[in-house]
Amino acid sequence: AVAIGNARLYESEREKLIIDRDLENARHIQKSLLPSKIPEISGLEISGTMLPAMQVGGDYFDVIKVSESKVFVVVGDVSGKGLAASFYMSKLQTMVRLYCNNENSPEEVLSKINFRIYKEMEKNWFITATIALFDTENNSVKICRAGHTPTVLIQDDIIKELIPKGIGIGLEEGKIFNSNLEEIEVPLQQNSLFTFYSDGVSESMNSKNEMLGEKALNELLLSKRDLATTEIQTELTNTIQKHRNDFPQNDDITFVIVKKI
C-alpha cells in the first residue's frame, strides 16, 4: 500500500512538473509577442510593460511604427486570465499587426478586428482595447476605444480622461459594434502625457480589498509628469507594489506611457 501510494505521489508530481514546464514555455512565448524594443519616433518618448497575474495572461500592448512620423499604440485586455485568455491575446496581437498600417485609422482597425474575431470567440468571452495613432508631423492623436479603460491625458497641468464611445470586441458581429465606435482627435502639444492602461492598474487590490483607484493613478501621473516615461513607469510600478504590500496580484497589469518632447 505504501509503495502504491508513493508511486501515485511520484506520478502526480511528475505531471505537475510537466504542466509547470509547459506554462513556463507558454509564458516565454507570450512575452515574445510583446514588443522587445519600443520603436523610436522623433519627438516622442514611449514606455510600456505587461505584468501577468499568472504565468500567462490576457493583457496585451503594442507599439507599431508605420512611418517616421506615425506610430500606433495599442492596449488590450481579454476577459478572464490564464491560458484561455492568453490564446485570445495572441489572436488579437496577430490581427493588430495585420491592420495597423498607413491605410487604416484606429476606428477602422477595431472594426476589422471585431469582424474577424467575433466568429472565432466563445460567446462568454470579449476583449476591450484602445488604439491610438500618434502623428508627429500633424501634431495630432487619433484615439478609438472598444469598451476599455479611459486614456489619461495631462496637458497644461490639467488631467483629462478621454473616453470615446465603444463596446467590447466580440460582443456583437458588427452593426451595433461599428455604430457605437467613436474616434476622437486631440492635439499633440509639447509635454503632453498620455497613459493607456488596463483595469489591473486602477483595480490593484491590497489585503483590505481596497483598490488603488483612478484618482490615485491620475494624481501620481500628474505629480510625475515632468519625468521621463521610463521613470514614470518605474514610479507607477512601485506605487502599485506598495499599495498591494505583498498581497497577491489579482489581475494582469499593463500600461503604456507616451510623452511629447
C-alpha atoms as a PDB file:
ATOM      1  CA  ALA A   1       0.000   0.000   0.000  1.00  0.00           C
ATOM      2  CA  VAL A   2       2.867   2.361   0.856  1.00  0.00           C
ATOM      3  CA  ALA A   3       4.616   1.524  -2.398  1.00  0.00           C
ATOM      4  CA  ILE A   4       1.438   2.147  -4.408  1.00  0.00           C
ATOM      5  CA  GLY A   5       0.870   5.437  -2.557  1.00  0.00           C
ATOM      6  CA  ASN A   6       4.432   6.574  -3.243  1.00  0.00           C
ATOM      7  CA  ALA A   7       4.092   5.640  -6.911  1.00  0.00           C
ATOM      8  CA  ARG A   8       0.908   7.709  -7.199  1.00  0.00           C
ATOM      9  CA  LEU A   9       2.576  10.689  -5.495  1.00  0.00           C
ATOM     10  CA  TYR A  10       5.558  10.387  -7.824  1.00  0.00           C
ATOM     11  CA  GLU A  11       3.296  10.274 -10.900  1.00  0.00           C
ATOM     12  CA  SER A  12       1.296  13.250  -9.630  1.00  0.00           C
ATOM     13  CA  GLU A  13       4.474  15.252  -9.016  1.00  0.00           C
ATOM     14  CA  ARG A  14       5.817  14.297 -12.452  1.00  0.00           C
ATOM     15  CA  GLU A  15       2.609  15.505 -14.130  1.00  0.00           C
ATOM     16  CA  LYS A  16       2.767  18.734 -12.148  1.00  0.00           C
ATOM     17  CA  LEU A  17       6.338  19.347 -13.292  1.00  0.00           C
ATOM     18  CA  ILE A  18       5.308  18.786 -16.919  1.00  0.00           C
ATOM     19  CA  ILE A  19       2.427  21.271 -16.565  1.00  0.00           C
ATOM     20  CA  ASP A  20       4.711  23.813 -14.871  1.00  0.00           C
ATOM     21  CA  ARG A  21       7.249  23.417 -17.667  1.00  0.00           C
ATOM     22  CA  ASP A  22       4.547  23.895 -20.327  1.00  0.00           C
ATOM     23  CA  LEU A  23       3.243  27.003 -18.546  1.00  0.00           C
ATOM     24  CA  GLU A  24       6.740  28.428 -18.349  1.00  0.00           C
ATOM     25  CA  ASN A  25       7.187  27.805 -22.080  1.00  0.00           C
ATOM     26  CA  ALA A  26       3.832  29.499 -22.706  1.00  0.00           C
ATOM     27  CA  ARG A  27       4.972  32.474 -20.622  1.00  0.00           C
ATOM     28  CA  HIS A  28       8.103  32.859 -22.752  1.00  0.00           C
ATOM     29  CA  ILE A  29       6.066  32.560 -25.960  1.00  0.00           C
ATOM     30  CA  GLN A  30       3.591  35.182 -24.784  1.00  0.00           C
ATOM     31  CA  LYS A  31       6.395  37.504 -23.724  1.00  0.00           C
ATOM     32  CA  SER A  32       7.843  37.218 -27.221  1.00  0.00           C
ATOM     33  CA  LEU A  33       4.553  38.569 -28.629  1.00  0.00           C
ATOM     34  CA  LEU A  34       5.066  41.836 -26.771  1.00  0.00           C
ATOM     35  CA  PRO A  35       7.451  44.454 -28.189  1.00  0.00           C
ATOM     36  CA  SER A  36      11.018  43.596 -27.161  1.00  0.00           C
ATOM     37  CA  LYS A  37      12.089  47.133 -28.009  1.00  0.00           C
ATOM     38  CA  ILE A  38       9.962  50.257 -28.258  1.00  0.00           C
ATOM     39  CA  PRO A  39      10.458  51.836 -31.706  1.00  0.00           C
ATOM     40  CA  GLU A  40      11.905  55.333 -31.761  1.00  0.00           C
ATOM     41  CA  ILE A  41       9.811  58.210 -33.081  1.00  0.00           C
ATOM     42  CA  SER A  42      11.330  61.684 -33.193  1.00  0.00           C
ATOM     43  CA  GLY A  43       9.538  63.935 -30.696  1.00  0.00           C
ATOM     44  CA  LEU A  44       8.038  61.124 -28.612  1.00  0.00           C
ATOM     45  CA  GLU A  45       9.083  59.187 -25.512  1.00  0.00           C
ATOM     46  CA  ILE A  46       7.288  55.843 -25.153  1.00  0.00           C
ATOM     47  CA  SER A  47       7.474  53.224 -22.395  1.00  0.00           C
ATOM     48  CA  GLY A  48       5.285  50.209 -21.670  1.00  0.00           C
ATOM     49  CA  THR A  49       5.038  46.997 -19.661  1.00  0.00           C
ATOM     50  CA  MET A  50       2.796  43.990 -19.041  1.00  0.00           C
ATOM     51  CA  LEU A  51       2.878  42.105 -15.712  1.00  0.00           C
ATOM     52  CA  PRO A  52       0.715  38.939 -15.803  1.00  0.00           C
ATOM     53  CA  ALA A  53      -1.108  37.843 -12.650  1.00  0.00           C
ATOM     54  CA  MET A  54      -0.392  34.183 -13.528  1.00  0.00           C
ATOM     55  CA  GLN A  55       2.295  32.551 -15.674  1.00  0.00           C
ATOM     56  CA  VAL A  56       0.383  33.804 -18.708  1.00  0.00           C
ATOM     57  CA  GLY A  57      -2.278  36.448 -19.031  1.00  0.00           C
ATOM     58  CA  GLY A  58      -4.809  38.151 -21.257  1.00  0.00           C
ATOM     59  CA  ASP A  59      -3.418  41.688 -21.310  1.00  0.00           C
ATOM     60  CA  TYR A  60      -1.619  42.997 -24.361  1.00  0.00           C
ATOM     61  CA  PHE A  61       0.173  46.100 -25.520  1.00  0.00           C
ATOM     62  CA  ASP A  62       1.983  47.018 -28.682  1.00  0.00           C
ATOM     63  CA  VAL A  63       3.760  49.962 -30.262  1.00  0.00           C
ATOM     64  CA  ILE A  64       3.784  49.786 -34.066  1.00  0.00           C
ATOM     65  CA  LYS A  65       5.749  52.289 -36.115  1.00  0.00           C
ATOM     66  CA  VAL A  66       4.241  52.794 -39.572  1.00  0.00           C
ATOM     67  CA  SER A  67       6.379  55.743 -40.741  1.00  0.00           C
ATOM     68  CA  GLU A  68       8.962  58.182 -39.419  1.00  0.00           C
ATOM     69  CA  SER A  69       6.153  60.344 -38.032  1.00  0.00           C
ATOM     70  CA  LYS A  70       3.339  57.891 -37.248  1.00  0.00           C
ATOM     71  CA  VAL A  71       3.046  55.202 -34.594  1.00  0.00           C
ATOM     72  CA  PHE A  72       0.163  53.094 -33.300  1.00  0.00           C
ATOM     73  CA  VAL A  73      -0.163  52.469 -29.556  1.00  0.00           C
ATOM     74  CA  VAL A  74      -2.407  49.556 -28.571  1.00  0.00           C
ATOM     75  CA  VAL A  75      -3.535  48.300 -25.165  1.00  0.00           C
ATOM     76  CA  GLY A  76      -5.943  45.351 -24.859  1.00  0.00           C
ATOM     77  CA  ASP A  77      -7.488  43.250 -22.107  1.00  0.00           C
ATOM     78  CA  VAL A  78      -9.095  39.842 -22.659  1.00  0.00           C
ATOM     79  CA  SER A  79     -11.836  38.971 -20.172  1.00  0.00           C
ATOM     80  CA  GLY A  80     -10.520  36.361 -17.744  1.00  0.00           C
ATOM     81  CA  LYS A  81      -6.998  35.146 -17.049  1.00  0.00           C
ATOM     82  CA  GLY A  82      -4.774  32.159 -17.675  1.00  0.00           C
ATOM     83  CA  LEU A  83      -4.191  30.021 -20.754  1.00  0.00           C
ATOM     84  CA  ALA A  84      -7.537  30.660 -22.466  1.00  0.00           C
ATOM     85  CA  ALA A  85      -7.086  34.425 -22.139  1.00  0.00           C
ATOM     86  CA  SER A  86      -3.529  34.186 -23.475  1.00  0.00           C
ATOM     87  CA  PHE A  87      -4.836  32.295 -26.513  1.00  0.00           C
ATOM     88  CA  TYR A  88      -7.192  35.148 -27.418  1.00  0.00           C
ATOM     89  CA  MET A  89      -4.439  37.632 -26.630  1.00  0.00           C
ATOM     90  CA  SER A  90      -2.241  36.009 -29.285  1.00  0.00           C
ATOM     91  CA  LYS A  91      -5.075  36.201 -31.817  1.00  0.00           C
ATOM     92  CA  LEU A  92      -5.528  39.884 -31.002  1.00  0.00           C
ATOM     93  CA  GLN A  93      -1.804  40.508 -31.488  1.00  0.00           C
ATOM     94  CA  THR A  94      -1.877  38.851 -34.908  1.00  0.00           C
ATOM     95  CA  MET A  95      -4.786  41.000 -36.084  1.00  0.00           C
ATOM     96  CA  VAL A  96      -3.351  44.211 -34.646  1.00  0.00           C
ATOM     97  CA  ARG A  97      -0.105  43.634 -36.547  1.00  0.00           C
ATOM     98  CA  LEU A  98      -2.116  42.901 -39.689  1.00  0.00           C
ATOM     99  CA  TYR A  99      -4.308  46.014 -39.668  1.00  0.00           C
ATOM    100  CA  CYS A 100      -2.178  48.713 -38.005  1.00  0.00           C
ATOM    101  CA  ASN A 101      -0.722  50.283 -41.114  1.00  0.00           C
ATOM    102  CA  ASN A 102      -0.770  53.536 -43.093  1.00  0.00           C
ATOM    103  CA  GLU A 103      -4.084  52.631 -44.725  1.00  0.00           C
ATOM    104  CA  ASN A 104      -6.209  52.276 -41.575  1.00  0.00           C
ATOM    105  CA  SER A 105      -7.338  54.598 -38.813  1.00  0.00           C
ATOM    106  CA  PRO A 106      -7.777  53.332 -35.208  1.00  0.00           C
ATOM    107  CA  GLU A 107     -11.537  53.074 -35.809  1.00  0.00           C
ATOM    108  CA  GLU A 108     -11.038  51.002 -38.947  1.00  0.00           C
ATOM    109  CA  VAL A 109      -8.563  48.724 -37.158  1.00  0.00           C
ATOM    110  CA  LEU A 110     -11.023  47.982 -34.347  1.00  0.00           C
ATOM    111  CA  SER A 111     -13.879  47.415 -36.804  1.00  0.00           C
ATOM    112  CA  LYS A 112     -11.855  44.925 -38.843  1.00  0.00           C
ATOM    113  CA  ILE A 113     -10.590  43.097 -35.744  1.00  0.00           C
ATOM    114  CA  ASN A 114     -14.128  42.709 -34.383  1.00  0.00           C
ATOM    115  CA  PHE A 115     -15.393  41.404 -37.731  1.00  0.00           C
ATOM    116  CA  ARG A 116     -12.653  38.770 -37.841  1.00  0.00           C
ATOM    117  CA  ILE A 117     -12.609  37.712 -34.203  1.00  0.00           C
ATOM    118  CA  TYR A 118     -16.372  37.629 -33.475  1.00  0.00           C
ATOM    119  CA  LYS A 119     -16.906  34.335 -35.264  1.00  0.00           C
ATOM    120  CA  GLU A 120     -13.911  32.739 -33.543  1.00  0.00           C
ATOM    121  CA  MET A 121     -14.611  33.727 -29.912  1.00  0.00           C
ATOM    122  CA  GLU A 122     -16.684  31.819 -27.389  1.00  0.00           C
ATOM    123  CA  LYS A 123     -19.748  33.848 -26.514  1.00  0.00           C
ATOM    124  CA  ASN A 124     -18.758  34.289 -22.847  1.00  0.00           C
ATOM    125  CA  TRP A 125     -15.502  35.998 -23.851  1.00  0.00           C
ATOM    126  CA  PHE A 126     -14.773  39.515 -25.058  1.00  0.00           C
ATOM    127  CA  ILE A 127     -11.837  41.910 -25.435  1.00  0.00           C
ATOM    128  CA  THR A 128     -11.547  45.563 -24.509  1.00  0.00           C
ATOM    129  CA  ALA A 129      -8.977  47.695 -26.296  1.00  0.00           C
ATOM    130  CA  THR A 130      -7.820  51.206 -27.018  1.00  0.00           C
ATOM    131  CA  ILE A 131      -5.926  52.092 -30.193  1.00  0.00           C
ATOM    132  CA  ALA A 132      -4.219  55.449 -30.696  1.00  0.00           C
ATOM    133  CA  LEU A 133      -2.416  56.788 -33.758  1.00  0.00           C
ATOM    134  CA  PHE A 134       0.225  59.417 -32.980  1.00  0.00           C
ATOM    135  CA  ASP A 135       1.175  61.712 -35.855  1.00  0.00           C
ATOM    136  CA  THR A 136       4.131  63.965 -35.032  1.00  0.00           C
ATOM    137  CA  GLU A 137       4.040  65.641 -38.451  1.00  0.00           C
ATOM    138  CA  ASN A 138       0.492  66.935 -37.972  1.00  0.00           C
ATOM    139  CA  ASN A 139       0.819  67.040 -34.162  1.00  0.00           C
ATOM    140  CA  SER A 140      -2.368  65.072 -33.604  1.00  0.00           C
ATOM    141  CA  VAL A 141      -3.526  61.885 -31.898  1.00  0.00           C
ATOM    142  CA  LYS A 142      -6.499  59.823 -33.068  1.00  0.00           C
ATOM    143  CA  ILE A 143      -7.953  57.576 -30.369  1.00  0.00           C
ATOM    144  CA  CYS A 144     -10.629  54.888 -30.607  1.00  0.00           C
ATOM    145  CA  ARG A 145     -11.842  52.681 -27.771  1.00  0.00           C
ATOM    146  CA  ALA A 146     -13.659  49.353 -27.574  1.00  0.00           C
ATOM    147  CA  GLY A 147     -15.040  49.340 -24.023  1.00  0.00           C
ATOM    148  CA  HIS A 148     -11.593  49.871 -22.486  1.00  0.00           C
ATOM    149  CA  THR A 149     -10.480  51.968 -19.516  1.00  0.00           C
ATOM    150  CA  PRO A 150     -10.104  55.739 -20.049  1.00  0.00           C
ATOM    151  CA  THR A 151      -6.976  57.229 -21.566  1.00  0.00           C
ATOM    152  CA  VAL A 152      -5.407  59.702 -19.150  1.00  0.00           C
ATOM    153  CA  LEU A 153      -4.161  62.882 -20.820  1.00  0.00           C
ATOM    154  CA  ILE A 154      -2.201  65.540 -18.948  1.00  0.00           C
ATOM    155  CA  GLN A 155      -1.846  68.849 -20.770  1.00  0.00           C
ATOM    156  CA  ASP A 156      -1.046  72.242 -19.232  1.00  0.00           C
ATOM    157  CA  ASP A 157      -1.085  70.621 -15.760  1.00  0.00           C
ATOM    158  CA  ILE A 158      -4.715  69.568 -16.277  1.00  0.00           C
ATOM    159  CA  ILE A 159      -5.902  65.946 -16.090  1.00  0.00           C
ATOM    160  CA  LYS A 160      -8.356  64.803 -18.763  1.00  0.00           C
ATOM    161  CA  GLU A 161      -9.921  61.359 -19.096  1.00  0.00           C
ATOM    162  CA  LEU A 162     -10.585  60.536 -22.732  1.00  0.00           C
ATOM    163  CA  ILE A 163     -13.500  58.105 -23.035  1.00  0.00           C
ATOM    164  CA  PRO A 164     -14.770  57.847 -26.613  1.00  0.00           C
ATOM    165  CA  LYS A 165     -17.793  55.586 -27.068  1.00  0.00           C
ATOM    166  CA  GLY A 166     -17.329  51.898 -27.855  1.00  0.00           C
ATOM    167  CA  ILE A 167     -18.278  48.364 -26.765  1.00  0.00           C
ATOM    168  CA  GLY A 168     -16.035  45.339 -26.271  1.00  0.00           C
ATOM    169  CA  ILE A 169     -14.672  43.339 -29.195  1.00  0.00           C
ATOM    170  CA  GLY A 170     -16.534  40.069 -29.758  1.00  0.00           C
ATOM    171  CA  LEU A 171     -19.805  41.126 -28.108  1.00  0.00           C
ATOM    172  CA  GLU A 172     -21.612  41.774 -31.401  1.00  0.00           C
ATOM    173  CA  GLU A 173     -20.973  40.843 -35.014  1.00  0.00           C
ATOM    174  CA  GLY A 174     -20.564  44.323 -36.460  1.00  0.00           C
ATOM    175  CA  LYS A 175     -23.621  46.529 -36.969  1.00  0.00           C
ATOM    176  CA  ILE A 176     -24.028  47.579 -33.336  1.00  0.00           C
ATOM    177  CA  PHE A 177     -20.274  47.464 -32.679  1.00  0.00           C
ATOM    178  CA  ASN A 178     -19.481  49.814 -35.580  1.00  0.00           C
ATOM    179  CA  SER A 179     -22.340  52.227 -34.832  1.00  0.00           C
ATOM    180  CA  ASN A 180     -21.033  52.611 -31.272  1.00  0.00           C
ATOM    181  CA  LEU A 181     -17.403  53.247 -32.241  1.00  0.00           C
ATOM    182  CA  GLU A 182     -16.233  56.826 -31.808  1.00  0.00           C
ATOM    183  CA  GLU A 183     -12.849  58.093 -32.945  1.00  0.00           C
ATOM    184  CA  ILE A 184     -11.674  61.338 -31.392  1.00  0.00           C
ATOM    185  CA  GLU A 185      -8.738  63.534 -32.347  1.00  0.00           C
ATOM    186  CA  VAL A 186      -6.760  65.622 -29.859  1.00  0.00           C
ATOM    187  CA  PRO A 187      -3.830  67.973 -30.413  1.00  0.00           C
ATOM    188  CA  LEU A 188      -0.336  66.702 -29.637  1.00  0.00           C
ATOM    189  CA  GLN A 189       1.127  69.558 -27.611  1.00  0.00           C
ATOM    190  CA  GLN A 190       4.595  69.927 -26.108  1.00  0.00           C
ATOM    191  CA  ASN A 191       4.930  67.911 -22.867  1.00  0.00           C
ATOM    192  CA  SER A 192       1.546  66.237 -23.366  1.00  0.00           C
ATOM    193  CA  LEU A 193       1.463  62.980 -21.385  1.00  0.00           C
ATOM    194  CA  PHE A 194      -0.798  60.101 -22.485  1.00  0.00           C
ATOM    195  CA  THR A 195      -1.295  57.000 -20.336  1.00  0.00           C
ATOM    196  CA  PHE A 196      -3.076  53.906 -21.667  1.00  0.00           C
ATOM    197  CA  TYR A 197      -3.714  51.169 -19.100  1.00  0.00           C
ATOM    198  CA  SER A 198      -5.696  48.046 -18.267  1.00  0.00           C
ATOM    199  CA  ASP A 199      -8.070  47.828 -15.305  1.00  0.00           C
ATOM    200  CA  GLY A 200      -5.478  45.744 -13.471  1.00  0.00           C
ATOM    201  CA  VAL A 201      -3.709  49.031 -12.715  1.00  0.00           C
ATOM    202  CA  SER A 202      -6.565  51.003 -11.148  1.00  0.00           C
ATOM    203  CA  GLU A 203      -8.123  47.879  -9.588  1.00  0.00           C
ATOM    204  CA  SER A 204      -4.947  46.597  -7.912  1.00  0.00           C
ATOM    205  CA  MET A 205      -6.047  45.248  -4.526  1.00  0.00           C
ATOM    206  CA  ASN A 206      -4.445  45.136  -1.109  1.00  0.00           C
ATOM    207  CA  SER A 207      -5.232  42.811   1.815  1.00  0.00           C
ATOM    208  CA  LYS A 208      -8.099  45.125   2.884  1.00  0.00           C
ATOM    209  CA  ASN A 209      -9.785  44.754  -0.524  1.00  0.00           C
ATOM    210  CA  GLU A 210      -9.000  48.396  -1.272  1.00  0.00           C
ATOM    211  CA  MET A 211      -8.356  49.289  -4.909  1.00  0.00           C
ATOM    212  CA  LEU A 212      -5.662  51.724  -5.973  1.00  0.00           C
ATOM    213  CA  GLY A 213      -8.339  53.667  -7.861  1.00  0.00           C
ATOM    214  CA  GLU A 214      -8.356  56.046 -10.801  1.00  0.00           C
ATOM    215  CA  LYS A 215      -7.996  59.123  -8.581  1.00  0.00           C
ATOM    216  CA  ALA A 216      -4.697  57.922  -7.065  1.00  0.00           C
ATOM    217  CA  LEU A 217      -3.463  56.885 -10.513  1.00  0.00           C
ATOM    218  CA  ASN A 218      -4.266  60.278 -12.039  1.00  0.00           C
ATOM    219  CA  GLU A 219      -2.687  62.165  -9.147  1.00  0.00           C
ATOM    220  CA  LEU A 220       0.508  60.121  -9.437  1.00  0.00           C
ATOM    221  CA  LEU A 221       0.745  60.795 -13.176  1.00  0.00           C
ATOM    222  CA  LEU A 222       0.186  64.498 -12.603  1.00  0.00           C
ATOM    223  CA  SER A 223       2.881  64.676  -9.912  1.00  0.00           C
ATOM    224  CA  LYS A 224       5.424  62.784 -12.069  1.00  0.00           C
ATOM    225  CA  ARG A 225       4.562  64.429 -15.409  1.00  0.00           C
ATOM    226  CA  ASP A 226       7.960  66.121 -15.747  1.00  0.00           C
ATOM    227  CA  LEU A 227       9.912  62.851 -15.534  1.00  0.00           C
ATOM    228  CA  ALA A 228      10.952  60.711 -18.489  1.00  0.00           C
ATOM    229  CA  THR A 229       8.444  57.993 -19.391  1.00  0.00           C
ATOM    230  CA  THR A 230      10.797  55.244 -18.198  1.00  0.00           C
ATOM    231  CA  GLU A 231      10.957  56.941 -14.796  1.00  0.00           C
ATOM    232  CA  ILE A 232       7.171  57.385 -14.683  1.00  0.00           C
ATOM    233  CA  GLN A 233       6.832  53.675 -15.486  1.00  0.00           C
ATOM    234  CA  THR A 234       9.094  52.805 -12.550  1.00  0.00           C
ATOM    235  CA  GLU A 235       7.211  55.147 -10.214  1.00  0.00           C
ATOM    236  CA  LEU A 236       3.850  53.696 -11.213  1.00  0.00           C
ATOM    237  CA  THR A 237       5.058  50.098 -10.852  1.00  0.00           C
ATOM    238  CA  ASN A 238       6.490  50.862  -7.400  1.00  0.00           C
ATOM    239  CA  THR A 239       3.258  52.582  -6.338  1.00  0.00           C
ATOM    240  CA  ILE A 240       1.184  49.555  -7.352  1.00  0.00           C
ATOM    241  CA  GLN A 241       3.506  47.179  -5.484  1.00  0.00           C
ATOM    242  CA  LYS A 242       3.485  49.427  -2.408  1.00  0.00           C
ATOM    243  CA  HIS A 243      -0.311  49.558  -2.450  1.00  0.00           C
ATOM    244  CA  ARG A 244      -0.570  45.767  -2.736  1.00  0.00           C
ATOM    245  CA  ASN A 245       2.006  45.320   0.071  1.00  0.00           C
ATOM    246  CA  ASP A 246       2.813  41.708  -0.940  1.00  0.00           C
ATOM    247  CA  PHE A 247      -0.899  40.882  -1.427  1.00  0.00           C
ATOM    248  CA  PRO A 248      -1.227  38.514  -4.435  1.00  0.00           C
ATOM    249  CA  GLN A 249      -1.706  40.258  -7.774  1.00  0.00           C
ATOM    250  CA  ASN A 250      -5.373  39.850  -8.674  1.00  0.00           C
ATOM    251  CA  ASP A 251      -5.235  40.822 -12.346  1.00  0.00           C
ATOM    252  CA  ASP A 252      -2.834  41.432 -15.224  1.00  0.00           C
ATOM    253  CA  ILE A 253      -1.235  44.884 -15.123  1.00  0.00           C
ATOM    254  CA  THR A 254      -0.469  46.702 -18.370  1.00  0.00           C
ATOM    255  CA  PHE A 255       0.198  50.305 -19.281  1.00  0.00           C
ATOM    256  CA  VAL A 256       1.857  52.405 -21.978  1.00  0.00           C
ATOM    257  CA  ILE A 257       3.036  55.972 -21.400  1.00  0.00           C
ATOM    258  CA  VAL A 258       3.642  58.412 -24.264  1.00  0.00           C
ATOM    259  CA  LYS A 259       5.086  61.895 -23.887  1.00  0.00           C
ATOM    260  CA  LYS A 260       5.575  64.631 -26.469  1.00  0.00           C
ATOM    261  CA  ILE A 261       9.044  66.131 -26.038  1.00  0.00           C
END
